[in-house]
Amino acid sequence: MPVVYLDVCHNPQAVECVLRELAMEHPQSDVHVVCGFSKQKDMTAMLHHIATSPNVKSIYPVTSSHFKLQNIENVLSKFEEVGNLLHPYIEHK
């Protein structure tokens, strides 16, 4: 049975801590990240931590129409910007 971990990280440090904790608690597990980003948060740094974490196998960007959230175009653009950081085995389309 898969482990599901839900966290609403509000800054790059929280993302880093969550990913480190997952790696320690579930070292053999693949991590699949579903993420959305607030307009006022450091999306680049958060994506950097996600993209360079060795356990992360896929990243799925999400958004909604809420006025505080990045729209999907901005998120996908940032994915392209940090794309060279992504491990070759991460699914990113």
N, C-alpha and C. Protein backbone atom coordinates (compact mmCIF):
# COMPACT_ATOMS: atom_id res chain seq x y z
N MET A 1 0.84 -1.18 0.00
CA MET A 1 0.00 0.00 0.00
C MET A 1 0.89 1.24 0.00
N PRO A 2 0.59 2.21 -0.85
CA PRO A 2 1.43 3.41 -0.90
C PRO A 2 1.25 4.30 0.33
N VAL A 3 2.30 5.01 0.65
CA VAL A 3 2.26 5.99 1.72
C VAL A 3 1.86 7.31 1.10
N VAL A 4 0.89 7.98 1.69
CA VAL A 4 0.46 9.30 1.22
C VAL A 4 0.82 10.30 2.30
N TYR A 5 1.53 11.33 1.92
CA TYR A 5 1.96 12.36 2.86
C TYR A 5 1.46 13.69 2.33
N LEU A 6 0.73 14.40 3.14
CA LEU A 6 0.20 15.69 2.72
C LEU A 6 0.82 16.78 3.58
N ASP A 7 1.40 17.77 2.91
CA ASP A 7 1.97 18.91 3.62
C ASP A 7 1.76 20.14 2.76
N VAL A 8 1.51 21.23 3.40
CA VAL A 8 1.33 22.49 2.68
C VAL A 8 2.55 23.34 3.02
N CYS A 9 3.61 23.11 2.28
CA CYS A 9 4.86 23.82 2.52
C CYS A 9 4.72 25.27 2.04
N HIS A 10 5.13 26.17 2.90
CA HIS A 10 4.98 27.59 2.57
C HIS A 10 6.27 28.28 2.18
N ASN A 11 7.38 27.55 2.24
CA ASN A 11 8.66 28.15 1.88
C ASN A 11 9.64 27.06 1.48
N PRO A 12 10.76 27.45 0.86
CA PRO A 12 11.74 26.46 0.41
C PRO A 12 12.29 25.59 1.54
N GLN A 13 12.47 26.17 2.72
CA GLN A 13 13.00 25.40 3.84
C GLN A 13 12.05 24.27 4.24
N ALA A 14 10.76 24.55 4.20
CA ALA A 14 9.77 23.51 4.53
C ALA A 14 9.79 22.39 3.49
N VAL A 15 9.90 22.74 2.22
CA VAL A 15 9.98 21.74 1.16
C VAL A 15 11.20 20.86 1.39
N GLU A 16 12.33 21.48 1.66
CA GLU A 16 13.56 20.74 1.90
C GLU A 16 13.41 19.79 3.09
N CYS A 17 12.81 20.26 4.17
CA CYS A 17 12.63 19.43 5.37
C CYS A 17 11.70 18.25 5.10
N VAL A 18 10.61 18.49 4.40
CA VAL A 18 9.67 17.42 4.09
C VAL A 18 10.33 16.36 3.23
N LEU A 19 11.05 16.77 2.20
CA LEU A 19 11.71 15.82 1.32
C LEU A 19 12.80 15.04 2.06
N ARG A 20 13.52 15.69 2.94
CA ARG A 20 14.55 15.01 3.74
C ARG A 20 13.89 13.98 4.67
N GLU A 21 12.80 14.36 5.30
CA GLU A 21 12.07 13.46 6.19
C GLU A 21 11.54 12.24 5.43
N LEU A 22 10.98 12.47 4.26
CA LEU A 22 10.49 11.36 3.45
C LEU A 22 11.62 10.41 3.07
N ALA A 23 12.77 10.96 2.72
CA ALA A 23 13.92 10.13 2.35
C ALA A 23 14.41 9.31 3.54
N MET A 24 14.35 9.88 4.73
CA MET A 24 14.79 9.16 5.93
C MET A 24 13.79 8.09 6.33
N GLU A 25 12.51 8.42 6.31
CA GLU A 25 11.47 7.50 6.76
C GLU A 25 11.12 6.43 5.73
N HIS A 26 11.28 6.75 4.46
CA HIS A 26 10.91 5.84 3.38
C HIS A 26 12.00 5.84 2.31
N PRO A 27 13.20 5.39 2.66
CA PRO A 27 14.34 5.52 1.75
C PRO A 27 14.20 4.74 0.44
N GLN A 28 13.42 3.69 0.41
CA GLN A 28 13.27 2.88 -0.79
C GLN A 28 12.04 3.27 -1.62
N SER A 29 11.30 4.26 -1.16
CA SER A 29 10.05 4.64 -1.83
C SER A 29 10.27 5.72 -2.86
N ASP A 30 9.53 5.60 -3.94
CA ASP A 30 9.49 6.67 -4.93
C ASP A 30 8.55 7.76 -4.43
N VAL A 31 8.94 9.00 -4.62
CA VAL A 31 8.12 10.14 -4.21
C VAL A 31 7.54 10.78 -5.46
N HIS A 32 6.23 10.98 -5.45
CA HIS A 32 5.53 11.64 -6.54
C HIS A 32 4.92 12.90 -5.93
N VAL A 33 5.34 14.04 -6.44
CA VAL A 33 4.97 15.33 -5.86
C VAL A 33 3.85 15.97 -6.67
N VAL A 34 2.79 16.36 -5.98
CA VAL A 34 1.72 17.18 -6.56
C VAL A 34 1.87 18.54 -5.90
N CYS A 35 2.06 19.58 -6.71
CA CYS A 35 2.35 20.87 -6.10
C CYS A 35 1.70 22.03 -6.85
N GLY A 36 1.31 23.01 -6.07
CA GLY A 36 0.83 24.28 -6.56
C GLY A 36 1.60 25.36 -5.81
N PHE A 37 1.57 26.57 -6.31
CA PHE A 37 2.40 27.61 -5.72
C PHE A 37 1.64 28.92 -5.59
N SER A 38 1.84 29.55 -4.46
CA SER A 38 1.29 30.88 -4.23
C SER A 38 2.13 31.89 -5.02
N LYS A 39 1.50 32.96 -5.46
CA LYS A 39 2.20 34.00 -6.22
C LYS A 39 3.28 34.68 -5.38
N GLN A 40 3.11 34.70 -4.07
CA GLN A 40 4.05 35.45 -3.22
C GLN A 40 5.14 34.57 -2.63
N LYS A 41 5.25 33.33 -3.08
CA LYS A 41 6.27 32.42 -2.54
C LYS A 41 7.37 32.20 -3.56
N ASP A 42 8.48 31.69 -3.11
CA ASP A 42 9.66 31.47 -3.95
C ASP A 42 9.54 30.13 -4.69
N MET A 43 8.80 30.15 -5.78
CA MET A 43 8.55 28.95 -6.55
C MET A 43 9.86 28.35 -7.09
N THR A 44 10.79 29.17 -7.52
CA THR A 44 12.05 28.67 -8.07
C THR A 44 12.81 27.84 -7.04
N ALA A 45 12.96 28.35 -5.85
CA ALA A 45 13.70 27.63 -4.81
C ALA A 45 12.97 26.35 -4.42
N MET A 46 11.65 26.41 -4.33
CA MET A 46 10.90 25.20 -3.97
C MET A 46 11.04 24.14 -5.04
N LEU A 47 10.93 24.54 -6.30
CA LEU A 47 11.11 23.58 -7.39
C LEU A 47 12.53 23.03 -7.42
N HIS A 48 13.50 23.85 -7.08
CA HIS A 48 14.88 23.38 -7.03
C HIS A 48 15.00 22.21 -6.04
N HIS A 49 14.44 22.36 -4.85
CA HIS A 49 14.51 21.29 -3.86
C HIS A 49 13.78 20.03 -4.35
N ILE A 50 12.63 20.22 -4.95
CA ILE A 50 11.86 19.07 -5.46
C ILE A 50 12.63 18.38 -6.57
N ALA A 51 13.14 19.16 -7.50
CA ALA A 51 13.78 18.61 -8.69
C ALA A 51 15.10 17.91 -8.38
N THR A 52 15.77 18.29 -7.31
CA THR A 52 17.07 17.70 -7.01
C THR A 52 17.01 16.65 -5.91
N SER A 53 15.83 16.36 -5.41
CA SER A 53 15.68 15.32 -4.40
C SER A 53 15.79 13.95 -5.08
N PRO A 54 16.67 13.09 -4.61
CA PRO A 54 16.89 11.81 -5.30
C PRO A 54 15.69 10.86 -5.29
N ASN A 55 14.79 10.99 -4.33
CA ASN A 55 13.63 10.09 -4.26
C ASN A 55 12.47 10.54 -5.14
N VAL A 56 12.49 11.78 -5.59
CA VAL A 56 11.38 12.30 -6.39
C VAL A 56 11.43 11.69 -7.78
N LYS A 57 10.33 11.05 -8.17
CA LYS A 57 10.25 10.39 -9.47
C LYS A 57 9.33 11.10 -10.45
N SER A 58 8.42 11.93 -9.93
CA SER A 58 7.54 12.68 -10.82
C SER A 58 7.03 13.92 -10.10
N ILE A 59 6.71 14.93 -10.89
CA ILE A 59 6.19 16.19 -10.38
C ILE A 59 4.94 16.53 -11.18
N TYR A 60 3.85 16.78 -10.47
CA TYR A 60 2.58 17.09 -11.12
C TYR A 60 2.13 18.48 -10.66
N PRO A 61 2.22 19.47 -11.53
CA PRO A 61 1.79 20.82 -11.13
C PRO A 61 0.27 20.93 -11.16
N VAL A 62 -0.26 21.64 -10.19
CA VAL A 62 -1.70 21.90 -10.12
C VAL A 62 -1.93 23.36 -9.80
N THR A 63 -3.12 23.82 -10.05
CA THR A 63 -3.50 25.18 -9.69
C THR A 63 -5.02 25.23 -9.57
N SER A 64 -5.51 26.38 -9.22
CA SER A 64 -6.96 26.62 -9.19
C SER A 64 -7.17 28.08 -9.58
N SER A 65 -8.38 28.49 -9.56
CA SER A 65 -8.69 29.87 -9.95
C SER A 65 -8.53 30.85 -8.79
N HIS A 66 -8.07 30.40 -7.65
CA HIS A 66 -7.89 31.28 -6.50
C HIS A 66 -6.90 32.39 -6.84
N PHE A 67 -7.22 33.60 -6.47
CA PHE A 67 -6.41 34.76 -6.86
C PHE A 67 -4.99 34.74 -6.30
N LYS A 68 -4.72 34.00 -5.25
CA LYS A 68 -3.38 33.95 -4.66
C LYS A 68 -2.45 32.94 -5.33
N LEU A 69 -3.00 32.08 -6.16
CA LEU A 69 -2.19 31.01 -6.75
C LEU A 69 -1.62 31.37 -8.11
N GLN A 70 -0.42 30.83 -8.37
CA GLN A 70 0.18 30.95 -9.69
C GLN A 70 -0.73 30.24 -10.69
N ASN A 71 -0.88 30.82 -11.87
CA ASN A 71 -1.63 30.10 -12.90
C ASN A 71 -0.73 29.02 -13.49
N ILE A 72 -1.34 28.07 -14.16
CA ILE A 72 -0.60 26.91 -14.65
C ILE A 72 0.46 27.31 -15.68
N GLU A 73 0.22 28.35 -16.44
CA GLU A 73 1.20 28.79 -17.43
C GLU A 73 2.49 29.25 -16.74
N ASN A 74 2.36 29.99 -15.64
CA ASN A 74 3.54 30.44 -14.90
C ASN A 74 4.29 29.27 -14.28
N VAL A 75 3.53 28.31 -13.76
CA VAL A 75 4.16 27.14 -13.15
C VAL A 75 4.91 26.34 -14.21
N LEU A 76 4.28 26.11 -15.34
CA LEU A 76 4.94 25.34 -16.40
C LEU A 76 6.15 26.08 -16.95
N SER A 77 6.07 27.39 -17.04
CA SER A 77 7.21 28.18 -17.48
C SER A 77 8.38 28.03 -16.50
N LYS A 78 8.09 28.04 -15.23
CA LYS A 78 9.13 27.86 -14.22
C LYS A 78 9.70 26.45 -14.28
N PHE A 79 8.86 25.45 -14.58
CA PHE A 79 9.35 24.08 -14.76
C PHE A 79 10.39 24.05 -15.86
N GLU A 80 10.12 24.74 -16.97
CA GLU A 80 11.07 24.78 -18.07
C GLU A 80 12.37 25.46 -17.65
N GLU A 81 12.24 26.52 -16.87
CA GLU A 81 13.41 27.28 -16.41
C GLU A 81 14.33 26.41 -15.55
N VAL A 82 13.77 25.59 -14.68
CA VAL A 82 14.59 24.75 -13.82
C VAL A 82 14.73 23.33 -14.38
N GLY A 83 14.29 23.13 -15.60
CA GLY A 83 14.29 21.81 -16.22
C GLY A 83 15.65 21.14 -16.25
N ASN A 84 16.71 21.91 -16.35
CA ASN A 84 18.04 21.30 -16.38
C ASN A 84 18.42 20.69 -15.04
N LEU A 85 17.69 21.02 -13.98
CA LEU A 85 17.96 20.43 -12.67
C LEU A 85 17.28 19.07 -12.52
N LEU A 86 16.23 18.85 -13.31
CA LEU A 86 15.45 17.64 -13.13
C LEU A 86 16.26 16.40 -13.44
N HIS A 87 16.13 15.43 -12.57
CA HIS A 87 16.77 14.15 -12.84
C HIS A 87 16.21 13.57 -14.12
N PRO A 88 16.99 12.84 -14.87
CA PRO A 88 16.50 12.28 -16.14
C PRO A 88 15.34 11.31 -15.96
N TYR A 89 15.18 10.75 -14.76
CA TYR A 89 14.11 9.78 -14.56
C TYR A 89 12.82 10.41 -14.06
N ILE A 90 12.82 11.71 -13.81
CA ILE A 90 11.60 12.38 -13.38
C ILE A 90 10.71 12.60 -14.59
N GLU A 91 9.45 12.25 -14.43
CA GLU A 91 8.48 12.51 -15.49
C GLU A 91 8.14 13.98 -15.49
N HIS A 92 8.45 14.66 -16.56
CA HIS A 92 8.09 16.08 -16.67
C HIS A 92 7.75 16.36 -18.12
N LYS A 93 6.50 16.70 -18.32
CA LYS A 93 6.03 16.98 -19.66
C LYS A 93 5.48 18.38 -19.71
